[in-house]
Amino acid sequence: MTAERPIFRPLDAFPVRAPVQTRWDDNDIYGHVNNVVYYSYFDTVVNRHLIEAGALDIHDGEVIGLVVETGCRYCAPLAFPEPVTAGMGVAHVGRSSVRYEIGLYGADHAEAAAEGFFIHVYVDRATRRPTELPARFREVLEAARF
């Protein structure tokens, strides 16, 4: 019985694309980026986009995102010092939650090495209670929708 490769989106299907720098310590004993590091890449791509777009102020903003669910499917290894490009898009926007979907692509960009998702619930920084997404946040999210 042969397992079929998962079908992932092509890089150009993602509304947002960004480089991800692999690091020496991302590789594990088997010579490739360890599976848990992919989640760090996902989180970095999402938050960097929000910060650069002026939607998220990680130091003084009233709203912060908490991860409530994640997932990842792996298809091919990545390894330091390989350049990686992440594709990111918004699949769902709720009152206080967002589902981000991310693909990671190696140097050739031909096929995704992995595809995953993060669901963030945005909460009031002080109370940690879910709060409605601010208008600027919604604008940035809508611009990154699939």
Protein backbone atom coordinates (compact mmCIF):
# COMPACT_ATOMS: atom_id res chain seq x y z
CA MET A 1 0.00 0.00 0.00
CA THR A 2 1.48 3.34 -1.09
CA ALA A 3 0.54 6.55 0.69
CA GLU A 4 -0.49 9.36 -1.62
CA ARG A 5 1.15 12.75 -1.26
CA PRO A 6 -1.21 15.38 0.13
CA ILE A 7 -2.37 18.04 -2.29
CA PHE A 8 -1.28 21.48 -1.12
CA ARG A 9 -1.94 24.92 -2.53
CA PRO A 10 0.67 26.40 -4.87
CA LEU A 11 2.59 29.36 -3.44
CA ASP A 12 0.88 31.83 -5.76
CA ALA A 13 -2.52 30.91 -4.24
CA PHE A 14 -1.57 32.69 -1.01
CA PRO A 15 -2.36 36.42 -0.80
CA VAL A 16 0.68 37.11 1.43
CA ARG A 17 4.20 35.78 0.83
CA ALA A 18 7.24 36.29 3.03
CA PRO A 19 10.76 34.89 3.43
CA VAL A 20 11.54 32.74 6.46
CA GLN A 21 15.13 32.45 7.58
CA THR A 22 16.07 28.95 8.67
CA ARG A 23 18.58 28.81 11.52
CA TRP A 24 21.38 26.39 12.36
CA ASP A 25 19.55 25.11 15.43
CA ASP A 26 16.31 24.46 13.48
CA ASN A 27 17.83 21.22 12.17
CA ASP A 28 17.45 18.12 14.29
CA ILE A 29 19.66 15.04 14.58
CA TYR A 30 18.21 13.74 11.29
CA GLY A 31 19.51 16.76 9.36
CA HIS A 32 16.23 18.53 8.64
CA VAL A 33 14.10 21.20 10.29
CA ASN A 34 12.37 19.62 13.27
CA ASN A 35 8.58 19.40 13.03
CA VAL A 36 7.93 21.72 15.99
CA VAL A 37 9.92 24.53 14.33
CA TYR A 38 7.34 24.76 11.54
CA TYR A 39 4.87 26.12 14.09
CA SER A 40 7.35 28.85 15.00
CA TYR A 41 7.59 29.76 11.33
CA PHE A 42 3.78 29.92 11.10
CA ASP A 43 3.50 32.18 14.14
CA THR A 44 6.31 34.43 12.90
CA VAL A 45 4.75 34.88 9.45
CA VAL A 46 1.28 35.70 10.81
CA ASN A 47 2.45 38.14 13.47
CA ARG A 48 5.06 39.83 11.26
CA HIS A 49 2.37 40.49 8.66
CA LEU A 50 -0.02 41.96 11.25
CA ILE A 51 2.69 44.13 12.78
CA GLU A 52 4.01 45.41 9.44
CA ALA A 53 0.46 46.18 8.26
CA GLY A 54 -0.19 48.26 11.38
CA ALA A 55 -2.88 46.00 12.82
CA LEU A 56 -1.04 44.53 15.80
CA ASP A 57 0.95 46.35 18.47
CA ILE A 58 2.59 43.57 20.48
CA HIS A 59 3.86 45.93 23.18
CA ASP A 60 1.06 48.42 23.83
CA GLY A 61 -2.00 47.25 21.90
CA GLU A 62 -5.24 46.59 23.74
CA VAL A 63 -5.87 43.40 21.72
CA ILE A 64 -3.62 40.33 21.64
CA GLY A 65 -4.01 36.98 19.89
CA LEU A 66 -4.03 33.65 21.71
CA VAL A 67 -3.56 30.43 19.77
CA VAL A 68 -6.46 28.06 20.43
CA GLU A 69 -5.86 25.46 17.70
CA THR A 70 -3.10 24.52 15.27
CA GLY A 71 -2.39 21.85 12.74
CA CYS A 72 0.22 20.90 10.16
CA ARG A 73 0.62 18.40 7.33
CA TYR A 74 4.16 17.65 6.21
CA CYS A 75 5.15 16.61 2.71
CA ALA A 76 8.89 17.25 2.24
CA PRO A 77 11.81 18.17 4.49
CA LEU A 78 13.35 21.61 4.84
CA ALA A 79 16.89 22.10 6.14
CA PHE A 80 19.24 24.90 7.17
CA PRO A 81 20.57 26.89 5.28
CA GLU A 82 17.80 26.45 2.70
CA PRO A 83 15.79 29.60 1.98
CA VAL A 84 12.10 29.17 2.74
CA THR A 85 9.15 31.19 1.52
CA ALA A 86 5.90 31.19 3.45
CA GLY A 87 2.53 31.80 1.88
CA MET A 88 -0.19 33.01 4.25
CA GLY A 89 -3.88 33.66 3.85
CA VAL A 90 -6.94 34.20 5.97
CA ALA A 91 -9.55 31.47 5.63
CA HIS A 92 -12.09 32.72 8.21
CA VAL A 93 -12.75 35.88 10.20
CA GLY A 94 -15.18 35.73 13.10
CA ARG A 95 -16.14 38.31 15.72
CA SER A 96 -12.97 37.66 17.74
CA SER A 97 -11.29 34.74 15.98
CA VAL A 98 -9.27 34.24 12.81
CA ARG A 99 -8.11 31.14 10.96
CA TYR A 100 -4.79 31.66 9.20
CA GLU A 101 -3.51 29.10 6.70
CA ILE A 102 0.18 28.91 5.88
CA GLY A 103 2.27 27.00 3.36
CA LEU A 104 6.05 26.60 3.58
CA TYR A 105 8.05 26.26 0.37
CA GLY A 106 11.69 25.32 -0.11
CA ALA A 107 14.16 26.96 -2.47
CA ASP A 108 12.52 25.70 -5.66
CA HIS A 109 8.99 26.86 -4.66
CA ALA A 110 7.55 24.05 -6.77
CA GLU A 111 5.62 22.23 -4.04
CA ALA A 112 4.86 22.94 -0.42
CA ALA A 113 7.00 21.20 2.16
CA ALA A 114 4.23 21.72 4.71
CA GLU A 115 0.86 23.36 5.06
CA GLY A 116 -0.73 24.29 8.33
CA PHE A 117 -3.11 26.57 10.15
CA PHE A 118 -3.40 28.68 13.28
CA ILE A 119 -6.62 29.80 14.89
CA HIS A 120 -6.19 32.87 17.06
CA VAL A 121 -8.79 34.27 19.40
CA TYR A 122 -8.17 37.93 20.02
CA VAL A 123 -8.63 39.02 23.59
CA ASP A 124 -8.41 42.16 25.68
CA ARG A 125 -4.83 42.40 26.96
CA ALA A 126 -5.92 43.21 30.52
CA THR A 127 -8.89 40.87 31.02
CA ARG A 128 -7.91 38.08 28.60
CA ARG A 129 -11.56 37.93 27.52
CA PRO A 130 -12.45 37.63 23.82
CA THR A 131 -13.01 41.00 22.21
CA GLU A 132 -14.29 42.18 18.85
CA LEU A 133 -11.59 42.69 16.25
CA PRO A 134 -10.71 46.38 15.76
CA ALA A 135 -11.56 47.99 12.40
CA ARG A 136 -7.91 48.25 11.25
CA PHE A 137 -7.40 44.60 12.09
CA ARG A 138 -10.41 43.61 9.97
CA GLU A 139 -9.12 45.67 7.02
CA VAL A 140 -5.78 43.87 7.10
CA LEU A 141 -7.44 40.47 7.45
CA GLU A 142 -9.84 41.09 4.58
CA ALA A 143 -6.94 42.07 2.32
CA ALA A 144 -5.30 38.68 3.05
CA ARG A 145 -8.40 36.51 2.50
CA PHE A 146 -8.35 33.60 0.07
